[in-house]
Protein backbone atom coordinates (compact mmCIF):
# COMPACT_ATOMS: atom_id res chain seq x y z
CA MET A 1 83.17 125.70 -8.19
CA ALA A 2 80.78 127.72 -6.54
CA GLY A 3 79.11 124.55 -5.31
CA LEU A 4 81.97 123.58 -3.05
CA ASN A 5 81.49 124.42 0.52
CA LEU A 6 84.60 123.73 2.60
CA LEU A 7 83.28 125.20 5.80
CA PRO A 8 81.41 122.14 7.14
CA TRP A 9 84.36 119.90 6.42
CA ARG A 10 86.69 122.13 8.39
CA GLU A 11 84.16 122.32 11.12
CA GLU A 12 83.91 118.55 11.21
CA ALA A 13 87.72 118.22 11.19
CA ARG A 14 87.94 120.65 14.11
CA GLU A 15 85.22 118.75 15.93
CA GLU A 16 87.01 115.46 15.25
CA SER A 17 90.31 116.96 16.39
CA ARG A 18 88.69 118.29 19.57
CA LYS A 19 87.14 114.87 20.30
CA GLN A 20 90.53 113.21 19.77
CA PHE A 21 92.14 115.76 22.09
CA ILE A 22 89.51 115.13 24.77
CA MET A 23 89.92 111.36 24.34
CA MET A 24 93.71 111.70 24.56
CA ALA A 25 93.38 113.90 27.65
CA ILE A 26 90.95 111.47 29.30
CA SER A 27 93.09 108.46 28.40
CA SER A 28 96.22 110.32 29.65
CA VAL A 29 94.50 111.13 32.92
CA ALA A 30 93.20 107.54 33.17
CA LEU A 31 96.68 106.19 32.40
CA GLY A 32 98.18 108.57 34.96
CA VAL A 33 95.62 107.52 37.59
CA LEU A 34 96.21 103.86 36.74
CA THR A 35 99.98 104.36 36.97
CA VAL A 36 99.70 106.16 40.33
CA PHE A 37 97.29 103.52 41.63
CA SER A 38 99.48 100.63 40.51
CA GLY A 39 102.56 102.38 41.96
CA TYR A 40 100.72 102.97 45.24
CA THR A 41 99.54 99.34 45.32
CA TRP A 42 103.05 98.08 44.57
CA MET A 43 104.55 100.28 47.33
CA GLN A 44 101.89 99.16 49.83
CA GLY A 45 102.61 95.54 48.93
CA ASN A 46 106.33 96.07 49.49
CA ILE A 47 105.67 97.87 52.78
CA SER A 48 103.39 95.10 54.06
CA TYR A 49 105.89 92.45 52.91
CA GLN A 50 108.70 94.25 54.74
CA GLU A 51 106.53 94.62 57.87
CA GLU A 52 105.86 90.86 57.79
CA ARG A 53 109.59 90.22 57.47
CA ASN A 54 110.28 92.64 60.33
CA ALA A 55 107.69 90.85 62.49
CA ILE A 56 109.33 87.49 61.72
CA LEU A 57 112.77 88.94 62.47
CA ASN A 58 111.55 90.46 65.74
CA THR A 59 110.11 87.09 66.76
CA GLU A 60 113.40 85.40 65.93
CA ILE A 61 115.35 88.11 67.78
CA LYS A 62 113.23 87.57 70.90
CA SER A 63 113.79 83.84 70.61
CA LEU A 64 117.54 84.34 70.21
CA ASP A 65 117.62 86.77 73.15
CA LYS A 66 116.06 84.06 75.33
CA THR A 67 118.63 81.58 74.03
CA ILE A 68 121.46 84.04 74.72
CA ALA A 69 120.17 84.54 78.26
CA LYS A 70 120.15 80.75 78.75
CA ILE A 71 123.67 80.53 77.32
CA LYS A 72 124.87 83.25 79.71
CA THR A 73 123.43 81.39 82.70
CA LEU A 74 124.98 78.16 81.41
CA ASP A 75 128.32 79.94 80.97
CA ALA A 76 128.10 81.26 84.52
CA THR A 77 127.26 77.77 85.78
CA ARG A 78 130.09 76.31 83.70
CA LYS A 79 132.55 78.86 85.06
CA ALA A 80 131.43 78.12 88.63
CA LEU A 81 131.85 74.40 88.01
CA LEU A 82 135.29 74.89 86.46
CA ASP A 83 136.31 77.01 89.47
CA ARG A 84 135.11 74.26 91.79
CA ILE A 85 136.95 71.63 89.77
CA GLU A 86 140.11 73.74 89.91
CA ILE A 87 139.78 74.11 93.70
CA ILE A 88 139.19 70.38 94.07
CA ASP A 89 142.20 69.61 91.85
CA THR A 90 144.33 71.99 93.89
CA LEU A 91 143.17 70.37 97.12
CA GLN A 92 143.76 66.91 95.69
CA SER A 93 147.26 67.81 94.52
CA THR A 94 148.20 69.43 97.84
CA ARG A 95 146.62 66.75 100.03
CA PRO A 96 149.82 64.75 100.51
CA SER A 97 151.86 67.90 101.07
CA ILE A 98 150.49 68.42 104.59
CA VAL A 99 151.56 64.90 105.50
CA HIS A 100 155.04 65.56 104.09
CA LEU A 101 155.13 68.90 105.92
CA PHE A 102 154.51 67.36 109.34
CA ASP A 103 156.83 64.46 108.54
CA GLU A 104 159.65 66.89 107.66
CA MET A 105 158.94 68.96 110.77
CA VAL A 106 159.29 65.89 113.01
CA LYS A 107 162.37 64.52 111.23
CA SER A 108 164.14 67.88 111.28
CA LEU A 109 163.37 68.81 114.90
CA PRO A 110 166.55 68.53 117.01
CA GLN A 111 166.72 67.71 120.72
CA GLY A 112 166.28 70.74 122.98
CA LEU A 113 163.99 72.58 120.55
CA TYR A 114 160.21 72.53 120.42
CA LEU A 115 157.54 74.33 118.47
CA THR A 116 154.75 76.27 120.16
CA LYS A 117 152.92 77.52 117.10
CA LEU A 118 152.68 76.66 113.42
CA GLU A 119 150.80 79.01 111.07
CA GLN A 120 150.36 78.47 107.33
CA LYS A 121 149.23 81.04 104.76
CA GLY A 122 149.40 79.61 101.27
CA ASN A 123 152.89 78.16 100.86
CA ASN A 124 154.42 80.27 103.63
CA ILE A 125 154.74 78.68 107.04
CA LYS A 126 155.50 80.57 110.22
CA LEU A 127 157.09 78.47 112.98
CA VAL A 128 157.22 79.81 116.53
CA GLY A 129 159.09 77.85 119.15
CA LYS A 130 161.61 77.71 121.96
CA SER A 131 165.16 76.42 121.98
CA GLU A 132 167.88 75.75 124.53
CA SER A 133 170.55 77.34 122.33
CA ASN A 134 171.09 79.32 119.16
CA ALA A 135 172.99 76.39 117.65
CA ARG A 136 169.90 74.21 117.83
CA VAL A 137 167.90 76.84 115.92
CA SER A 138 170.69 77.04 113.33
CA SER A 139 170.76 73.25 113.02
CA TYR A 140 166.98 73.19 112.61
CA MET A 141 167.19 75.81 109.84
CA GLU A 142 169.85 73.80 108.01
CA LYS A 143 167.76 70.63 108.18
CA LEU A 144 164.69 72.49 106.90
CA ASP A 145 166.71 73.91 104.00
CA ARG A 146 167.96 70.42 103.06
CA SER A 147 164.40 69.09 102.95
CA VAL A 148 162.88 68.38 99.53
CA TRP A 149 159.49 69.64 100.76
CA LEU A 150 160.64 72.87 102.45
CA SER A 151 162.97 75.68 101.49
CA SER A 152 164.06 79.21 102.24
CA SER A 153 164.04 79.13 106.02
CA ASN A 154 164.40 82.65 107.38
CA LEU A 155 164.91 83.53 111.04
CA SER A 156 162.78 86.54 111.98
CA ILE A 157 163.12 86.79 115.77
CA LEU A 158 165.48 85.24 118.27
CA SER A 159 165.12 86.48 121.83
CA LYS A 160 165.83 85.24 125.34
CA ASP A 161 162.88 84.00 127.30
CA LYS A 162 162.30 83.10 130.93
CA LYS A 163 164.51 80.66 132.67
CA GLN A 164 162.81 77.31 133.22
CA GLY A 165 164.65 75.42 135.89
CA ASP A 166 168.35 75.29 135.04
CA ILE A 167 167.74 76.00 131.35
CA ARG A 168 167.27 79.39 129.72
CA LEU A 169 165.05 79.05 126.65
CA ARG A 170 165.25 81.30 123.62
CA LYS A 171 162.15 82.17 121.66
CA PHE A 172 162.44 82.08 117.86
CA VAL A 173 160.27 82.72 114.79
CA LEU A 174 161.12 81.01 111.50
CA ASN A 175 159.52 81.57 108.15
CA VAL A 176 159.67 78.62 105.74
CA THR A 177 158.33 78.11 102.22
CA GLN A 178 156.57 74.82 101.53
CA LEU A 179 157.21 73.24 98.14
CA LEU A 180 154.11 71.56 96.70
CA LYS A 181 156.23 69.31 94.50
CA PRO A 182 159.66 68.34 95.76
CA GLU A 183 162.71 69.55 93.90
CA MET A 184 164.37 66.28 92.88
CA THR A 185 166.77 67.96 90.46
CA ASP A 186 168.89 69.47 93.25
CA THR A 187 171.19 66.67 94.47
CA SER A 188 172.47 68.69 97.40
CA LYS A 189 169.11 68.28 99.12
CA GLY A 190 168.39 64.94 100.61
CA ARG A 191 166.68 63.27 103.48
CA GLU A 192 168.49 62.39 106.61
């Protein structure tokens, strides 16, 4: 047994173990570097993909902003046109009312009473005139109230004016409301 020498075998086992350790360390480092590199490459790919998507979205957003601006101008144009149409419809619907207004004024005007001024603001009409007596003004108010195109006559001022010849005229101011559509449901109103 003296011929057995175990020292070189142990030395070779240590050397082999050291080489395996170095190979494991190098392969671990290489695997770590490869993992970091592949992770970095994957992240860069995702970042560039997201940047491309963001660029596409920004382009689409700019395109949609232009479309929204066009829509806003079209909405403003549409609103202006609808306002014009509404004004035209209002004018068309009230066109015959002025004819009826003057017709009612003439039919209701009694003898000895004349108008000097007629002023209209919306549906309110201010009548200024002169009369020979208070009874004629009262009669005129009653006729206006019976009209299907006028209502709510209200006497604001009644005052004596200058004497013209043998007749003393009284100045009056009446406020009347014009009805755009006649009230046909009220049977007490009628034309004379």
